[in-house]
Every structure is written in C-alpha cells, then in structure tokens.
Amino acid sequence: MTRGREELRHRHPRHERRGEARLPAVAATLAAILLYLALPERLLVAPRYLLPTLEVLLLVPLIAVNPRRLTRQTRLSRAGSLTLVALIGAGNLTALGVLIHALVSSQVKDGGQLLVAALQVWLTNIIVFGLAYWELDRGGPVTRTQAPRADLPLADFRFSQDENDDAVQEVSDGASGSSDWVPTLPDYLYVSVTNSTAFSPTDTMPLSTRAKLLMSIESIAALLTSLLVIARAVSVLH
C-alpha cells in the first residue's frame, strides 16, 4: 500500500469525528425552497410564502446547532430535520398532483410554462428524496460519523463501497471495512438522481422497507413527471 493511501485511511474525516459539512445540505435545502417559490401560482394550494417560511424557520435553528459540521444532535434537532424534509416533500408532491390534475381535466395553452414547472418539480423531487435518504440511513448524518461502526443502526442502503473489501487493492482500500467509509449527502443525491432517471435502483440497493417505499414513491413521481406531464406539455406546444 502506498504511503498516500495509508495516510488516507488514517486521516478519514470519520476517524477524526469531524462530522459531515453543513453547507451542502443547506445549499440543497435552499435550492428546493427556491424551486418551490418559482412555481406557477396555479400549482400552489397555500399562500406562496407559507411553506418556504416554515421551512426556513426550521432550517435556521438546525444551522445554529451545527453551523459548520454535523457533530451534535438532540431529539429536537432530529425531529426538526425530519420535519423539514417532510414539508419540502409534501409541498412538491402536492404541486405535482395539482399539475397532473390541471393537465388531465382542463385545456392548457401555456405549454412552455408547464415544461418549466415540470422540470422544477422533477429537480425538487431529486433533492428532497436525496435529503430523505441522507437523513434516515444508518441513523442520519450525525450518527453515521459520531457513533462507532458497531453501534450504527441497521443500514437502509447498501452502497458499492460496502461490498468492495475483496476487490483489487486500489478498490478495496476505499471500501467501508478498510477505510471506515460512510456515505455523505452527494452519495444520496446520486442515488436519488439514478432512481429518478432509471425508475429503479442502480448500483445502490435499498435494504429496509422504508427505503424501498421511499424509492418507490420517488420512481412513481418521476415517472408521472416524465411521461405524463412533460409529454402533455410537449403536445400542447404543438
């Protein structure tokens, strides 16, 4: 093993208990909020700023608890994190339902606006389910880095790194067992992207019932957006 690879094993953030960086999750959450704010008025079932305001009010104390890295967690902060993701998801799925109903039950003339709205809903879908996987798997981002591996809750997902211990050395050195690797938000966003485009798991497999349920909901939402909403909007353009 090279010196650089040996150093990587012993300098992995998990070993230092530094926790995952806060910024990516904040950026993803704000992106989802802005995408919701940009939706057409007819897709909103509540005042435009109601849900975003609630979401920001939940996000601010979460940042205060862990401003730079996710190393601390209380029952209240854990509940706040899950509630924030649930609110974003509920708002987006509701917007998708209203959009589909409008397309099916009425004459729509503005196809261009529908295409943009469908894209916004699809992108938000990817973000919110990526955040949901990130929050739930192995106890959440704080537990994944702060608890000993033996004390981690059962995994909701099996990543390729979790089964690479017997691969060639340059691959096995980055596996979970040898480097103490744990997934971070970009890994879960990747899972969400592939699930929304392939409508099924790819290289990361769901293990728990809740993971399978969430992936099923995401796939159905993505399928409806891709096949029904976008197809109808394109036909309106013609």
Protein backbone atom coordinates (compact mmCIF):
# COMPACT_ATOMS: atom_id res chain seq x y z
CA MET A 1 0.00 0.00 0.00
CA THR A 2 1.36 3.42 -0.92
CA ARG A 3 2.10 5.99 1.75
CA GLY A 4 -0.62 8.30 0.42
CA ARG A 5 -3.25 5.59 0.63
CA GLU A 6 -2.14 4.64 4.13
CA GLU A 7 -2.43 8.26 5.22
CA LEU A 8 -5.89 8.49 3.67
CA ARG A 9 -7.10 5.59 5.78
CA HIS A 10 -5.93 7.22 8.99
CA ARG A 11 -6.98 10.76 8.11
CA HIS A 12 -10.51 9.94 7.04
CA PRO A 13 -12.97 12.51 8.48
CA ARG A 14 -14.88 9.74 10.26
CA HIS A 15 -11.80 8.80 12.26
CA GLU A 16 -11.36 12.40 13.30
CA ARG A 17 -15.05 12.63 14.25
CA ARG A 18 -15.25 15.97 12.46
CA GLY A 19 -18.69 15.27 11.10
CA GLU A 20 -20.13 15.98 7.68
CA ALA A 21 -20.02 19.54 6.35
CA ARG A 22 -23.22 21.53 6.88
CA LEU A 23 -23.01 23.65 3.70
CA PRO A 24 -24.09 21.02 1.09
CA ALA A 25 -27.30 20.23 2.97
CA VAL A 26 -28.10 23.93 3.41
CA ALA A 27 -27.47 24.57 -0.29
CA ALA A 28 -29.68 21.64 -1.31
CA THR A 29 -32.48 22.75 1.03
CA LEU A 30 -32.37 26.35 -0.18
CA ALA A 31 -32.38 25.16 -3.81
CA ALA A 32 -35.55 23.15 -3.14
CA ILE A 33 -37.18 26.15 -1.43
CA LEU A 34 -36.32 28.48 -4.33
CA LEU A 35 -37.63 25.98 -6.88
CA TYR A 36 -40.93 25.88 -4.97
CA LEU A 37 -41.12 29.68 -4.85
CA ALA A 38 -40.68 29.80 -8.63
CA LEU A 39 -43.65 27.51 -9.35
CA PRO A 40 -46.67 28.99 -11.18
CA GLU A 41 -49.41 30.29 -8.89
CA ARG A 42 -51.94 27.70 -10.06
CA LEU A 43 -49.80 24.84 -8.71
CA LEU A 44 -49.84 26.19 -5.16
CA VAL A 45 -52.57 25.17 -2.72
CA ALA A 46 -51.39 27.56 0.00
CA PRO A 47 -50.01 31.12 0.02
CA ARG A 48 -46.72 31.14 -1.88
CA TYR A 49 -44.53 32.06 1.07
CA LEU A 50 -46.21 29.92 3.74
CA LEU A 51 -44.31 26.66 3.27
CA PRO A 52 -40.96 28.32 2.46
CA THR A 53 -41.26 30.44 5.60
CA LEU A 54 -41.93 27.39 7.75
CA GLU A 55 -39.01 25.59 6.14
CA VAL A 56 -36.62 28.49 6.75
CA LEU A 57 -37.81 28.72 10.37
CA LEU A 58 -36.89 25.04 10.77
CA LEU A 59 -33.58 25.40 8.93
CA VAL A 60 -32.21 28.32 10.96
CA PRO A 61 -32.08 26.53 14.35
CA LEU A 62 -30.62 23.44 12.67
CA ILE A 63 -27.78 25.59 11.36
CA ALA A 64 -27.36 27.11 14.82
CA VAL A 65 -26.93 23.65 16.39
CA ASN A 66 -24.32 22.62 13.80
CA PRO A 67 -23.13 25.73 11.95
CA ARG A 68 -20.16 24.17 10.16
CA ARG A 69 -20.12 20.40 10.72
CA LEU A 70 -22.77 17.93 11.82
CA THR A 71 -21.42 16.68 15.12
CA ARG A 72 -24.26 17.33 17.59
CA GLN A 73 -27.80 16.06 17.69
CA THR A 74 -30.71 16.28 20.09
CA ARG A 75 -34.18 14.80 19.86
CA LEU A 76 -35.49 18.23 18.95
CA SER A 77 -32.94 18.83 16.21
CA ARG A 78 -33.51 15.35 14.83
CA ALA A 79 -37.27 15.92 14.74
CA GLY A 80 -36.72 19.32 13.11
CA SER A 81 -34.53 17.83 10.38
CA LEU A 82 -37.07 15.14 9.51
CA THR A 83 -39.95 17.61 9.62
CA LEU A 84 -38.12 19.97 7.27
CA VAL A 85 -37.61 17.21 4.70
CA ALA A 86 -41.22 16.07 5.09
CA LEU A 87 -42.54 19.61 4.48
CA ILE A 88 -40.46 20.03 1.32
CA GLY A 89 -41.55 16.62 0.06
CA ALA A 90 -45.24 17.19 0.82
CA GLY A 91 -45.21 20.56 -0.91
CA ASN A 92 -43.56 19.16 -4.02
CA LEU A 93 -45.77 16.08 -4.31
CA THR A 94 -48.83 18.28 -3.85
CA ALA A 95 -47.64 20.56 -6.64
CA LEU A 96 -47.13 17.51 -8.85
CA GLY A 97 -50.67 16.32 -8.11
CA VAL A 98 -52.16 19.72 -8.94
CA LEU A 99 -50.13 19.91 -12.14
CA ILE A 100 -51.30 16.48 -13.30
CA HIS A 101 -54.92 17.30 -12.44
CA ALA A 102 -54.73 20.55 -14.39
CA LEU A 103 -53.32 18.77 -17.43
CA VAL A 104 -55.88 15.98 -17.39
CA SER A 105 -59.01 17.95 -16.58
CA SER A 106 -58.62 21.23 -18.42
CA GLN A 107 -57.46 22.81 -21.63
CA VAL A 108 -53.90 24.03 -21.17
CA LYS A 109 -52.47 26.58 -23.55
CA ASP A 110 -49.18 27.57 -21.95
CA GLY A 111 -47.05 24.50 -22.73
CA GLY A 112 -43.79 26.33 -22.16
CA GLN A 113 -44.72 27.23 -18.61
CA LEU A 114 -45.73 23.63 -17.96
CA LEU A 115 -42.40 22.34 -19.19
CA VAL A 116 -40.57 24.66 -16.82
CA ALA A 117 -42.87 23.72 -13.93
CA ALA A 118 -42.40 20.00 -14.63
CA LEU A 119 -38.63 20.46 -14.59
CA GLN A 120 -38.85 22.35 -11.28
CA VAL A 121 -40.94 19.59 -9.71
CA TRP A 122 -38.59 16.90 -11.03
CA LEU A 123 -35.47 18.65 -9.72
CA THR A 124 -37.10 19.23 -6.33
CA ASN A 125 -38.07 15.56 -6.28
CA ILE A 126 -34.43 14.58 -6.66
CA ILE A 127 -33.29 16.97 -3.93
CA VAL A 128 -35.94 16.09 -1.35
CA PHE A 129 -35.60 12.33 -1.70
CA GLY A 130 -31.82 12.63 -1.60
CA LEU A 131 -32.20 14.56 1.66
CA ALA A 132 -34.65 11.95 2.96
CA TYR A 133 -32.25 9.07 2.26
CA TRP A 134 -29.44 11.10 3.86
CA GLU A 135 -31.49 11.81 6.98
CA LEU A 136 -32.71 8.23 7.51
CA ASP A 137 -29.89 5.88 6.52
CA ARG A 138 -27.92 4.45 9.48
CA GLY A 139 -29.38 6.94 11.92
CA GLY A 140 -28.69 10.12 9.97
CA PRO A 141 -25.60 12.23 9.22
CA VAL A 142 -24.60 12.84 12.83
CA THR A 143 -24.86 9.23 13.95
CA ARG A 144 -23.02 7.96 10.86
CA THR A 145 -19.87 9.89 11.74
CA GLN A 146 -20.02 10.18 15.52
CA ALA A 147 -21.05 6.67 16.59
CA PRO A 148 -18.72 3.67 16.43
CA ARG A 149 -19.48 1.48 13.43
CA ALA A 150 -20.56 -1.36 15.69
CA ASP A 151 -23.22 0.91 17.23
CA LEU A 152 -24.69 2.20 13.98
CA PRO A 153 -28.36 1.37 13.31
CA LEU A 154 -29.12 -1.08 10.52
CA ALA A 155 -28.40 0.33 7.08
CA ASP A 156 -31.22 1.36 4.77
CA PHE A 157 -28.95 1.24 1.71
CA ARG A 158 -26.07 -0.94 0.54
CA PHE A 159 -23.50 1.09 -1.39
CA SER A 160 -20.87 -0.43 -3.62
CA GLN A 161 -18.18 0.55 -1.07
CA ASP A 162 -19.93 -1.74 1.43
CA GLU A 163 -19.01 -4.84 -0.60
CA ASN A 164 -15.63 -3.95 -2.11
CA ASP A 165 -13.41 -5.42 0.59
CA ASP A 166 -12.43 -8.38 -1.58
CA ALA A 167 -11.76 -6.33 -4.73
CA VAL A 168 -8.34 -5.35 -6.08
CA GLN A 169 -6.26 -3.36 -3.62
CA GLU A 170 -6.81 0.10 -5.08
CA VAL A 171 -10.57 -0.51 -4.83
CA SER A 172 -10.68 -2.39 -1.52
CA ASP A 173 -8.60 0.31 0.19
CA GLY A 174 -11.57 2.67 -0.24
CA ALA A 175 -14.17 0.17 0.96
CA SER A 176 -16.23 0.66 4.10
CA GLY A 177 -14.47 -2.10 6.03
CA SER A 178 -10.91 -0.96 5.30
CA SER A 179 -11.22 2.85 5.23
CA ASP A 180 -14.24 3.24 7.56
CA TRP A 181 -16.04 4.96 4.67
CA VAL A 182 -19.58 6.23 5.20
CA PRO A 183 -21.86 7.89 2.62
CA THR A 184 -22.39 11.65 2.59
CA LEU A 185 -25.06 13.84 1.01
CA PRO A 186 -23.62 13.72 -2.56
CA ASP A 187 -23.82 9.91 -2.41
CA TYR A 188 -27.52 10.04 -1.52
CA LEU A 189 -28.23 12.71 -4.15
CA TYR A 190 -26.61 10.39 -6.69
CA VAL A 191 -28.91 7.57 -5.57
CA SER A 192 -31.85 9.93 -5.98
CA VAL A 193 -30.76 11.02 -9.46
CA THR A 194 -30.35 7.47 -10.71
CA ASN A 195 -33.65 6.39 -9.18
CA SER A 196 -35.45 9.34 -10.83
CA THR A 197 -33.95 8.63 -14.25
CA ALA A 198 -33.90 4.82 -14.31
CA PHE A 199 -37.06 4.44 -12.16
CA SER A 200 -35.24 1.69 -10.24
CA PRO A 201 -32.13 1.16 -8.10
CA THR A 202 -28.83 1.02 -9.95
CA ASP A 203 -25.60 0.38 -8.02
CA THR A 204 -27.06 1.17 -4.57
CA MET A 205 -29.64 -1.26 -3.23
CA PRO A 206 -32.44 -0.45 -0.74
CA LEU A 207 -32.41 -2.81 2.23
CA SER A 208 -35.14 -1.65 4.60
CA THR A 209 -38.86 -1.47 3.96
CA ARG A 210 -38.90 2.31 4.38
CA ALA A 211 -36.08 2.72 1.86
CA LYS A 212 -37.95 0.59 -0.67
CA LEU A 213 -41.13 2.57 -0.03
CA LEU A 214 -39.40 5.93 -0.47
CA MET A 215 -37.66 4.81 -3.65
CA SER A 216 -40.98 3.52 -5.00
CA ILE A 217 -42.69 6.85 -4.32
CA GLU A 218 -39.82 8.74 -5.94
CA SER A 219 -39.86 6.48 -9.00
CA ILE A 220 -43.63 6.85 -9.45
CA ALA A 221 -43.42 10.64 -9.07
CA ALA A 222 -40.56 10.81 -11.57
CA LEU A 223 -42.41 8.54 -13.98
CA LEU A 224 -45.54 10.68 -13.83
CA THR A 225 -43.49 13.82 -14.34
CA SER A 226 -41.51 12.42 -17.24
CA LEU A 227 -44.19 10.50 -19.12
CA LEU A 228 -47.44 12.30 -18.35
CA VAL A 229 -46.64 15.91 -17.50
CA ILE A 230 -43.80 16.55 -19.94
CA ALA A 231 -45.43 14.56 -22.75
CA ARG A 232 -48.66 16.55 -22.39
CA ALA A 233 -46.80 19.84 -22.24
CA VAL A 234 -44.87 19.00 -25.41
CA SER A 235 -48.13 18.11 -27.18
CA VAL A 236 -49.59 21.47 -26.14
CA LEU A 237 -46.59 23.21 -27.68
CA HIS A 238 -47.53 21.66 -30.99
